[in-house]
PDB file of N, CA and C in Angstrom:
ATOM      1  N   UNK A   1      82.142 100.483 118.748  1.00  0.00           N
ATOM      2  CA  UNK A   1      82.677  99.792 119.894  1.00  0.00           C
ATOM      3  C   UNK A   1      81.552  99.353 120.820  1.00  0.00           C
ATOM      4  N   UNK A   2      80.562 100.207 121.009  1.00  0.00           N
ATOM      5  CA  UNK A   2      79.465  99.837 121.898  1.00  0.00           C
ATOM      6  C   UNK A   2      78.690  98.659 121.327  1.00  0.00           C
ATOM      7  N   UNK A   3      78.436  98.675 120.022  1.00  0.00           N
ATOM      8  CA  UNK A   3      77.724  97.562 119.407  1.00  0.00           C
ATOM      9  C   UNK A   3      78.545  96.291 119.544  1.00  0.00           C
ATOM     10  N   UNK A   4      79.819  96.386 119.289  1.00  0.00           N
ATOM     11  CA  UNK A   4      80.704  95.226 119.390  1.00  0.00           C
ATOM     12  C   UNK A   4      80.691  94.646 120.803  1.00  0.00           C
ATOM     13  N   UNK A   5      80.788  95.501 121.804  1.00  0.00           N
ATOM     14  CA  UNK A   5      80.771  95.027 123.192  1.00  0.00           C
ATOM     15  C   UNK A   5      79.453  94.360 123.537  1.00  0.00           C
ATOM     16  N   UNK A   6      78.358  94.884 122.986  1.00  0.00           N
ATOM     17  CA  UNK A   6      77.048  94.344 123.307  1.00  0.00           C
ATOM     18  C   UNK A   6      76.787  93.005 122.625  1.00  0.00           C
ATOM     19  N   UNK A   7      77.284  92.819 121.415  1.00  0.00           N
ATOM     20  CA  UNK A   7      76.925  91.653 120.628  1.00  0.00           C
ATOM     21  C   UNK A   7      77.967  90.526 120.686  1.00  0.00           C
ATOM     22  N   UNK A   8      79.201  90.859 121.059  1.00  0.00           N
ATOM     23  CA  UNK A   8      80.288  89.867 121.014  1.00  0.00           C
ATOM     24  C   UNK A   8      79.999  88.631 121.864  1.00  0.00           C
ATOM     25  N   UNK A   9      79.516  88.817 123.081  1.00  0.00           N
ATOM     26  CA  UNK A   9      79.265  87.654 123.945  1.00  0.00           C
ATOM     27  C   UNK A   9      78.156  86.775 123.375  1.00  0.00           C
ATOM     28  N   UNK A  10      77.158  87.388 122.747  1.00  0.00           N
ATOM     29  CA  UNK A  10      76.077  86.620 122.138  1.00  0.00           C
ATOM     30  C   UNK A  10      76.610  85.767 120.981  1.00  0.00           C
ATOM     31  N   UNK A  11      77.466  86.354 120.165  1.00  0.00           N
ATOM     32  CA  UNK A  11      78.051  85.612 119.043  1.00  0.00           C
ATOM     33  C   UNK A  11      78.912  84.470 119.567  1.00  0.00           C
ATOM     34  N   UNK A  12      79.662  84.735 120.631  1.00  0.00           N
ATOM     35  CA  UNK A  12      80.530  83.703 121.214  1.00  0.00           C
ATOM     36  C   UNK A  12      79.701  82.538 121.759  1.00  0.00           C
ATOM     37  N   UNK A  13      78.546  82.839 122.377  1.00  0.00           N
ATOM     38  CA  UNK A  13      77.675  81.777 122.890  1.00  0.00           C
ATOM     39  C   UNK A  13      77.091  80.951 121.745  1.00  0.00           C
ATOM     40  N   UNK A  14      76.686  81.608 120.677  1.00  0.00           N
ATOM     41  CA  UNK A  14      76.102  80.914 119.536  1.00  0.00           C
ATOM     42  C   UNK A  14      77.139  80.084 118.781  1.00  0.00           C
ATOM     43  N   UNK A  15      78.387  80.542 118.748  1.00  0.00           N
ATOM     44  CA  UNK A  15      79.456  79.888 117.978  1.00  0.00           C
ATOM     45  C   UNK A  15      80.723  79.797 118.819  1.00  0.00           C
ATOM     46  N   UNK A  16      80.782  78.893 119.793  1.00  0.00           N
ATOM     47  CA  UNK A  16      81.968  78.838 120.667  1.00  0.00           C
ATOM     48  C   UNK A  16      83.258  78.451 119.951  1.00  0.00           C
ATOM     49  N   UNK A  17      83.147  77.860 118.763  1.00  0.00           N
ATOM     50  CA  UNK A  17      84.346  77.428 118.041  1.00  0.00           C
ATOM     51  C   UNK A  17      84.959  78.543 117.204  1.00  0.00           C
ATOM     52  N   UNK A  18      84.286  79.686 117.101  1.00  0.00           N
ATOM     53  CA  UNK A  18      84.786  80.795 116.272  1.00  0.00           C
ATOM     54  C   UNK A  18      86.054  81.394 116.862  1.00  0.00           C
ATOM     55  N   UNK A  19      86.972  81.732 115.976  1.00  0.00           N
ATOM     56  CA  UNK A  19      88.198  82.393 116.421  1.00  0.00           C
ATOM     57  C   UNK A  19      87.907  83.876 116.663  1.00  0.00           C
ATOM     58  N   UNK A  20      88.862  84.551 117.269  1.00  0.00           N
ATOM     59  CA  UNK A  20      88.720  85.984 117.567  1.00  0.00           C
ATOM     60  C   UNK A  20      88.460  86.778 116.294  1.00  0.00           C
ATOM     61  N   UNK A  21      89.217  86.493 115.256  1.00  0.00           N
ATOM     62  CA  UNK A  21      89.060  87.210 113.991  1.00  0.00           C
ATOM     63  C   UNK A  21      87.714  86.959 113.348  1.00  0.00           C
ATOM     64  N   UNK A  22      87.247  85.695 113.400  1.00  0.00           N
ATOM     65  CA  UNK A  22      85.948  85.369 112.826  1.00  0.00           C
ATOM     66  C   UNK A  22      84.817  86.059 113.582  1.00  0.00           C
ATOM     67  N   UNK A  23      84.954  86.182 114.896  1.00  0.00           N
ATOM     68  CA  UNK A  23      83.948  86.893 115.684  1.00  0.00           C
ATOM     69  C   UNK A  23      83.906  88.355 115.244  1.00  0.00           C
ATOM     70  N   UNK A  24      85.065  88.958 115.034  1.00  0.00           N
ATOM     71  CA  UNK A  24      85.123  90.336 114.567  1.00  0.00           C
ATOM     72  C   UNK A  24      84.446  90.514 113.219  1.00  0.00           C
ATOM     73  N   UNK A  25      84.646  89.548 112.311  1.00  0.00           N
ATOM     74  CA  UNK A  25      83.997  89.608 111.001  1.00  0.00           C
ATOM     75  C   UNK A  25      82.483  89.508 111.147  1.00  0.00           C
ATOM     76  N   UNK A  26      82.035  88.635 112.041  1.00  0.00           N
ATOM     77  CA  UNK A  26      80.595  88.471 112.262  1.00  0.00           C
ATOM     78  C   UNK A  26      79.988  89.738 112.873  1.00  0.00           C
ATOM     79  N   UNK A  27      80.712  90.375 113.779  1.00  0.00           N
ATOM     80  CA  UNK A  27      80.251  91.643 114.362  1.00  0.00           C
ATOM     81  C   UNK A  27      80.083  92.667 113.244  1.00  0.00           C
ATOM     82  N   UNK A  28      81.052  92.743 112.354  1.00  0.00           N
ATOM     83  CA  UNK A  28      80.982  93.677 111.236  1.00  0.00           C
ATOM     84  C   UNK A  28      79.791  93.396 110.323  1.00  0.00           C
ATOM     85  N   UNK A  29      79.551  92.124 110.036  1.00  0.00           N
ATOM     86  CA  UNK A  29      78.408  91.755 109.197  1.00  0.00           C
ATOM     87  C   UNK A  29      77.096  92.172 109.840  1.00  0.00           C
ATOM     88  N   UNK A  30      76.969  91.908 111.130  1.00  0.00           N
ATOM     89  CA  UNK A  30      75.727  92.246 111.830  1.00  0.00           C
ATOM     90  C   UNK A  30      75.542  93.755 111.932  1.00  0.00           C
ATOM     91  N   UNK A  31      76.640  94.495 112.077  1.00  0.00           N
ATOM     92  CA  UNK A  31      76.520  95.948 112.145  1.00  0.00           C
ATOM     93  C   UNK A  31      76.053  96.499 110.801  1.00  0.00           C
ATOM     94  N   UNK A  32      76.609  95.974 109.726  1.00  0.00           N
ATOM     95  CA  UNK A  32      76.205  96.442 108.393  1.00  0.00           C
ATOM     96  C   UNK A  32      74.751  96.092 108.092  1.00  0.00           C
ATOM     97  N   UNK A  33      74.249  95.015 108.699  1.00  0.00           N
ATOM     98  CA  UNK A  33      72.877  94.581 108.453  1.00  0.00           C
ATOM     99  C   UNK A  33      71.851  95.375 109.269  1.00  0.00           C
ATOM    100  N   UNK A  34      72.313  96.220 110.193  1.00  0.00           N
ATOM    101  CA  UNK A  34      71.383  96.997 111.008  1.00  0.00           C
ATOM    102  C   UNK A  34      70.628  98.014 110.156  1.00  0.00           C
ATOM    103  N   UNK A  35      69.411  98.319 110.582  1.00  0.00           N
ATOM    104  CA  UNK A  35      68.652  99.377 109.916  1.00  0.00           C
ATOM    105  C   UNK A  35      69.236 100.727 110.330  1.00  0.00           C
ATOM    106  N   UNK A  36      68.859 101.768 109.614  1.00  0.00           N
ATOM    107  CA  UNK A  36      69.343 103.119 109.936  1.00  0.00           C
ATOM    108  C   UNK A  36      68.968 103.509 111.365  1.00  0.00           C
ATOM    109  N   UNK A  37      67.772 103.145 111.772  1.00  0.00           N
ATOM    110  CA  UNK A  37      67.298 103.497 113.108  1.00  0.00           C
ATOM    111  C   UNK A  37      68.117 102.794 114.198  1.00  0.00           C
ATOM    112  N   UNK A  38      68.384 101.504 113.985  1.00  0.00           N
ATOM    113  CA  UNK A  38      69.186 100.757 114.963  1.00  0.00           C
ATOM    114  C   UNK A  38      70.619 101.269 114.992  1.00  0.00           C
ATOM    115  N   UNK A  39      71.159 101.543 113.820  1.00  0.00           N
ATOM    116  CA  UNK A  39      72.538 102.020 113.742  1.00  0.00           C
ATOM    117  C   UNK A  39      72.679 103.380 114.409  1.00  0.00           C
ATOM    118  N   UNK A  40      71.671 104.228 114.253  1.00  0.00           N
ATOM    119  CA  UNK A  40      71.700 105.556 114.859  1.00  0.00           C
ATOM    120  C   UNK A  40      71.810 105.452 116.379  1.00  0.00           C
ATOM    121  N   UNK A  41      71.152 104.466 116.969  1.00  0.00           N
ATOM    122  CA  UNK A  41      71.236 104.268 118.423  1.00  0.00           C
ATOM    123  C   UNK A  41      72.691 104.061 118.855  1.00  0.00           C
ATOM    124  N   UNK A  42      73.415 103.215 118.136  1.00  0.00           N
ATOM    125  CA  UNK A  42      74.805 102.920 118.495  1.00  0.00           C
ATOM    126  C   UNK A  42      75.719 104.094 118.166  1.00  0.00           C
ATOM    127  N   UNK A  43      75.445 104.785 117.066  1.00  0.00           N
ATOM    128  CA  UNK A  43      76.248 105.950 116.703  1.00  0.00           C
ATOM    129  C   UNK A  43      76.075 107.076 117.717  1.00  0.00           C
ATOM    130  N   UNK A  44      74.844 107.231 118.234  1.00  0.00           N
ATOM    131  CA  UNK A  44      74.598 108.248 119.262  1.00  0.00           C
ATOM    132  C   UNK A  44      75.363 107.936 120.543  1.00  0.00           C
ATOM    133  N   UNK A  45      75.403 106.656 120.913  1.00  0.00           N
ATOM    134  CA  UNK A  45      76.172 106.247 122.103  1.00  0.00           C
ATOM    135  C   UNK A  45      77.647 106.600 121.922  1.00  0.00           C
ATOM    136  N   UNK A  46      78.178 106.316 120.745  1.00  0.00           N
ATOM    137  CA  UNK A  46      79.587 106.605 120.473  1.00  0.00           C
ATOM    138  C   UNK A  46      79.845 108.106 120.490  1.00  0.00           C
ATOM    139  N   UNK A  47      78.920 108.882 119.943  1.00  0.00           N
ATOM    140  CA  UNK A  47      79.089 110.335 119.909  1.00  0.00           C
ATOM    141  C   UNK A  47      79.086 110.914 121.327  1.00  0.00           C
ATOM    142  N   UNK A  48      78.191 110.414 122.192  1.00  0.00           N
ATOM    143  CA  UNK A  48      78.160 110.884 123.585  1.00  0.00           C
ATOM    144  C   UNK A  48      79.461 110.547 124.297  1.00  0.00           C
ATOM    145  N   UNK A  49      79.989 109.354 124.027  1.00  0.00           N
ATOM    146  CA  UNK A  49      81.229 108.955 124.678  1.00  0.00           C
ATOM    147  C   UNK A  49      82.405 109.788 124.175  1.00  0.00           C
ATOM    148  N   UNK A  50      82.376 110.158 122.903  1.00  0.00           N
ATOM    149  CA  UNK A  50      83.449 110.987 122.353  1.00  0.00           C
ATOM    150  C   UNK A  50      83.463 112.354 123.026  1.00  0.00           C
ATOM    151  N   UNK A  51      82.280 112.914 123.249  1.00  0.00           N
ATOM    152  CA  UNK A  51      82.182 114.207 123.934  1.00  0.00           C
ATOM    153  C   UNK A  51      82.716 114.077 125.359  1.00  0.00           C
ATOM    154  N   UNK A  52      82.334 112.990 126.045  1.00  0.00           N
ATOM    155  CA  UNK A  52      82.817 112.745 127.407  1.00  0.00           C
ATOM    156  C   UNK A  52      84.342 112.666 127.425  1.00  0.00           C
ATOM    157  N   UNK A  53      84.900 111.945 126.481  1.00  0.00           N
ATOM    158  CA  UNK A  53      86.353 111.782 126.406  1.00  0.00           C
ATOM    159  C   UNK A  53      87.046 113.130 126.186  1.00  0.00           C
ATOM    160  N   UNK A  54      86.509 113.926 125.268  1.00  0.00           N
ATOM    161  CA  UNK A  54      87.129 115.223 124.978  1.00  0.00           C
ATOM    162  C   UNK A  54      87.073 116.141 126.194  1.00  0.00           C
ATOM    163  N   UNK A  55      85.981 116.091 126.947  1.00  0.00           N
ATOM    164  CA  UNK A  55      85.880 116.909 128.157  1.00  0.00           C
ATOM    165  C   UNK A  55      86.889 116.451 129.212  1.00  0.00           C
ATOM    166  N   UNK A  56      87.059 115.141 129.339  1.00  0.00           N
ATOM    167  CA  UNK A  56      88.045 114.630 130.296  1.00  0.00           C
ATOM    168  C   UNK A  56      89.464 115.002 129.885  1.00  0.00           C
ATOM    169  N   UNK A  57      89.741 114.999 128.593  1.00  0.00           N
ATOM    170  CA  UNK A  57      91.082 115.322 128.122  1.00  0.00           C
ATOM    171  C   UNK A  57      91.419 116.803 128.328  1.00  0.00           C
ATOM    172  N   UNK A  58      90.402 117.663 128.349  1.00  0.00           N
ATOM    173  CA  UNK A  58      90.650 119.075 128.620  1.00  0.00           C
ATOM    174  C   UNK A  58      91.170 119.272 130.042  1.00  0.00           C
ATOM    175  N   UNK A  59      90.707 118.446 130.956  1.00  0.00           N
ATOM    176  CA  UNK A  59      91.120 118.543 132.354  1.00  0.00           C
ATOM    177  C   UNK A  59      92.383 117.745 132.659  1.00  0.00           C
ATOM    178  N   UNK A  60      92.813 116.901 131.734  1.00  0.00           N
ATOM    179  CA  UNK A  60      93.954 116.021 131.965  1.00  0.00           C
ATOM    180  C   UNK A  60      95.247 116.814 131.884  1.00  0.00           C
ATOM    181  N   UNK A  61      96.098 116.652 132.904  1.00  0.00           N
ATOM    182  CA  UNK A  61      97.347 117.405 132.915  1.00  0.00           C
ATOM    183  C   UNK A  61      98.561 116.539 132.629  1.00  0.00           C
ATOM    184  N   UNK A  62      98.403 115.241 132.520  1.00  0.00           N
ATOM    185  CA  UNK A  62      99.516 114.358 132.226  1.00  0.00           C
ATOM    186  C   UNK A  62     100.192 113.889 133.495  1.00  0.00           C
ATOM    187  N   UNK A  63     101.126 112.963 133.362  1.00  0.00           N
ATOM    188  CA  UNK A  63     101.806 112.447 134.544  1.00  0.00           C
ATOM    189  C   UNK A  63     102.717 113.493 135.177  1.00  0.00           C
ATOM    190  N   UNK A  64     102.795 113.454 136.469  1.00  0.00           N
ATOM    191  CA  UNK A  64     103.676 114.362 137.209  1.00  0.00           C
ATOM    192  C   UNK A  64     105.090 113.813 137.163  1.00  0.00           C
ATOM    193  N   UNK A  65     106.073 114.697 137.039  1.00  0.00           N
ATOM    194  CA  UNK A  65     107.474 114.273 137.046  1.00  0.00           C
ATOM    195  C   UNK A  65     107.949 114.273 138.492  1.00  0.00           C
ATOM    196  N   UNK A  66     108.077 113.061 139.058  1.00  0.00           N
ATOM    197  CA  UNK A  66     108.491 112.968 140.452  1.00  0.00           C
ATOM    198  C   UNK A  66     109.974 112.672 140.604  1.00  0.00           C
ATOM    199  N   UNK A  67     110.700 112.663 139.485  1.00  0.00           N
ATOM    200  CA  UNK A  67     112.139 112.441 139.559  1.00  0.00           C
ATOM    201  C   UNK A  67     112.512 111.017 139.935  1.00  0.00           C
ATOM    202  N   UNK A  68     111.572 110.094 139.795  1.00  0.00           N
ATOM    203  CA  UNK A  68     111.806 108.701 140.175  1.00  0.00           C
ATOM    204  C   UNK A  68     112.791 107.999 139.271  1.00  0.00           C
ATOM    205  N   UNK A  69     112.898 108.436 138.050  1.00  0.00           N
ATOM    206  CA  UNK A  69     113.868 107.837 137.143  1.00  0.00           C
ATOM    207  C   UNK A  69     113.433 106.482 136.628  1.00  0.00           C
ATOM    208  N   UNK A  70     112.712 106.465 135.529  1.00  0.00           N
ATOM    209  CA  UNK A  70     112.332 105.216 134.898  1.00  0.00           C
ATOM    210  C   UNK A  70     111.096 104.608 135.518  1.00  0.00           C
ATOM    211  N   UNK A  71     110.888 103.335 135.192  1.00  0.00           N
ATOM    212  CA  UNK A  71     109.712 102.666 135.706  1.00  0.00           C
ATOM    213  C   UNK A  71     108.496 102.989 134.865  1.00  0.00           C
ATOM    214  N   UNK A  72     107.406 102.311 135.162  1.00  0.00           N
ATOM    215  CA  UNK A  72     106.194 102.500 134.374  1.00  0.00           C
ATOM    216  C   UNK A  72     105.596 103.875 134.602  1.00  0.00           C
ATOM    217  N   UNK A  73     105.696 104.404 135.804  1.00  0.00           N
ATOM    218  CA  UNK A  73     105.071 105.692 136.068  1.00  0.00           C
ATOM    219  C   UNK A  73     106.060 106.851 135.985  1.00  0.00           C
ATOM    220  N   UNK A  74     107.345 106.575 135.863  1.00  0.00           N
ATOM    221  CA  UNK A  74     108.338 107.645 135.783  1.00  0.00           C
ATOM    222  C   UNK A  74     108.473 108.166 134.380  1.00  0.00           C
ATOM    223  N   UNK A  75     109.139 109.284 134.241  1.00  0.00           N
ATOM    224  CA  UNK A  75     109.314 109.840 132.908  1.00  0.00           C
ATOM    225  C   UNK A  75     110.527 109.196 132.244  1.00  0.00           C
ATOM    226  N   UNK A  76     110.491 109.158 130.931  1.00  0.00           N
ATOM    227  CA  UNK A  76     111.595 108.574 130.183  1.00  0.00           C
ATOM    228  C   UNK A  76     112.676 109.622 130.003  1.00  0.00           C
ATOM    229  N   UNK A  77     113.917 109.173 130.093  1.00  0.00           N
ATOM    230  CA  UNK A  77     115.036 110.085 129.888  1.00  0.00           C
ATOM    231  C   UNK A  77     115.474 109.990 128.436  1.00  0.00           C
ATOM    232  N   UNK A  78     115.756 111.132 127.848  1.00  0.00           N
ATOM    233  CA  UNK A  78     116.245 111.154 126.481  1.00  0.00           C
ATOM    234  C   UNK A  78     117.745 110.919 126.470  1.00  0.00           C
ATOM    235  N   UNK A  79     118.192 110.203 125.451  1.00  0.00           N
ATOM    236  CA  UNK A  79     119.630 110.043 125.263  1.00  0.00           C
ATOM    237  C   UNK A  79     120.189 111.370 124.783  1.00  0.00           C
ATOM    238  N   UNK A  80     121.385 111.713 125.244  1.00  0.00           N
ATOM    239  CA  UNK A  80     121.971 112.945 124.717  1.00  0.00           C
ATOM    240  C   UNK A  80     122.260 112.763 123.229  1.00  0.00           C
ATOM    241  N   UNK A  81     122.039 113.805 122.449  1.00  0.00           N
ATOM    242  CA  UNK A  81     122.278 113.689 121.019  1.00  0.00           C
ATOM    243  C   UNK A  81     123.777 113.606 120.761  1.00  0.00           C
ATOM    244  N   UNK A  82     124.125 112.838 119.732  1.00  0.00           N
ATOM    245  CA  UNK A  82     125.537 112.649 119.391  1.00  0.00           C
ATOM    246  C   UNK A  82     126.033 113.838 118.583  1.00  0.00           C
ATOM    247  N   UNK A  83     127.286 114.155 118.788  1.00  0.00           N
ATOM    248  CA  UNK A  83     127.911 115.247 118.053  1.00  0.00           C
ATOM    249  C   UNK A  83     128.208 114.759 116.635  1.00  0.00           C
ATOM    250  N   UNK A  84     127.602 115.340 115.609  1.00  0.00           N
ATOM    251  CA  UNK A  84     127.818 114.860 114.244  1.00  0.00           C
ATOM    252  C   UNK A  84     129.227 115.134 113.722  1.00  0.00           C
ATOM    253  N   UNK A  85     129.992 115.979 114.418  1.00  0.00           N
ATOM    254  CA  UNK A  85     131.342 116.280 113.943  1.00  0.00           C
ATOM    255  C   UNK A  85     132.346 115.228 114.387  1.00  0.00           C
ATOM    256  N   UNK A  86     131.978 114.408 115.367  1.00  0.00           N
ATOM    257  CA  UNK A  86     132.890 113.363 115.826  1.00  0.00           C
ATOM    258  C   UNK A  86     132.934 112.232 114.814  1.00  0.00           C
ATOM    259  N   UNK A  87     134.168 111.684 114.602  1.00  0.00           N
ATOM    260  CA  UNK A  87     134.311 110.566 113.677  1.00  0.00           C
ATOM    261  C   UNK A  87     134.134 109.256 114.436  1.00  0.00           C
ATOM    262  N   UNK A  88     133.621 108.285 113.737  1.00  0.00           N
ATOM    263  CA  UNK A  88     133.443 106.966 114.344  1.00  0.00           C
ATOM    264  C   UNK A  88     134.762 106.227 114.365  1.00  0.00           C
ATOM    265  N   UNK A  89     134.935 105.380 115.366  1.00  0.00           N
ATOM    266  CA  UNK A  89     136.120 104.540 115.430  1.00  0.00           C
ATOM    267  C   UNK A  89     135.973 103.422 114.404  1.00  0.00           C
ATOM    268  N   UNK A  90     137.070 103.052 113.753  1.00  0.00           N
ATOM    269  CA  UNK A  90     136.954 101.949 112.785  1.00  0.00           C
ATOM    270  C   UNK A  90     136.696 100.645 113.525  1.00  0.00           C
ATOM    271  N   UNK A  91     135.869  99.807 112.929  1.00  0.00           N
ATOM    272  CA  UNK A  91     135.558  98.511 113.525  1.00  0.00           C
ATOM    273  C   UNK A  91     136.633  97.517 113.158  1.00  0.00           C
ATOM    274  N   UNK A  92     137.005  96.683 114.101  1.00  0.00           N
ATOM    275  CA  UNK A  92     138.006  95.650 113.759  1.00  0.00           C
ATOM    276  C   UNK A  92     137.365  94.582 112.894  1.00  0.00           C
ATOM    277  N   UNK A  93     138.178  93.990 112.020  1.00  0.00           N
ATOM    278  CA  UNK A  93     137.678  92.923 111.158  1.00  0.00           C
ATOM    279  C   UNK A  93     137.584  91.642 111.978  1.00  0.00           C
ATOM    280  N   UNK A  94     136.490  90.940 111.804  1.00  0.00           N
ATOM    281  CA  UNK A  94     136.290  89.693 112.552  1.00  0.00           C
ATOM    282  C   UNK A  94     137.147  88.591 111.942  1.00  0.00           C
ATOM    283  N   UNK A  95     137.082  88.452 110.653  1.00  0.00           N
ATOM    284  CA  UNK A  95     137.859  87.417 109.962  1.00  0.00           C
ATOM    285  C   UNK A  95     138.935  88.087 109.128  1.00  0.00           C
ATOM    286  N   UNK A  96     140.126  88.105 109.650  1.00  0.00           N
ATOM    287  CA  UNK A  96     141.198  88.722 108.891  1.00  0.00           C
ATOM    288  C   UNK A  96     142.114  87.632 108.334  1.00  0.00           C
ATOM    289  N   UNK A  97     142.536  87.783 107.096  1.00  0.00           N
ATOM    290  CA  UNK A  97     143.406  86.818 106.474  1.00  0.00           C
ATOM    291  C   UNK A  97     144.855  87.097 106.852  1.00  0.00           C
ATOM    292  N   UNK A  98     145.651  86.034 107.070  1.00  0.00           N
ATOM    293  CA  UNK A  98     147.057  86.280 107.435  1.00  0.00           C
ATOM    294  C   UNK A  98     147.899  86.726 106.290  1.00  0.00           C
TER     295      UNK A  98
END
C-alpha cells in the first residue's frame, strides 16, 4: 500500500489517459521489478504500520450504545427471530381461472 501510494501519482502524471485498473496493473509491474533491497524498504514500512494498527486495536473499545436507535453512529437492531412452529399463510393466486 505504501509503494502504491508513493508511485500512483507519478504513473498518473506520466500516463494521464490510463484507467484506474491499468494504473493498478502498472503499480504491480513496478513493484515486482523492484530489487530485494528496495522491496524490503516498503515491506518494512508496511510491517511497522501493521504493528501500529494492532496496538491501536488493543485499545479500541468499539462504538458506545447511546440508545439513539439507528443512524450511522447508532447500533443496529436485530429483527426478532421467527417462530419456526408457526405456519405461513397461503398466498393468494394472482391469476386465477374462472
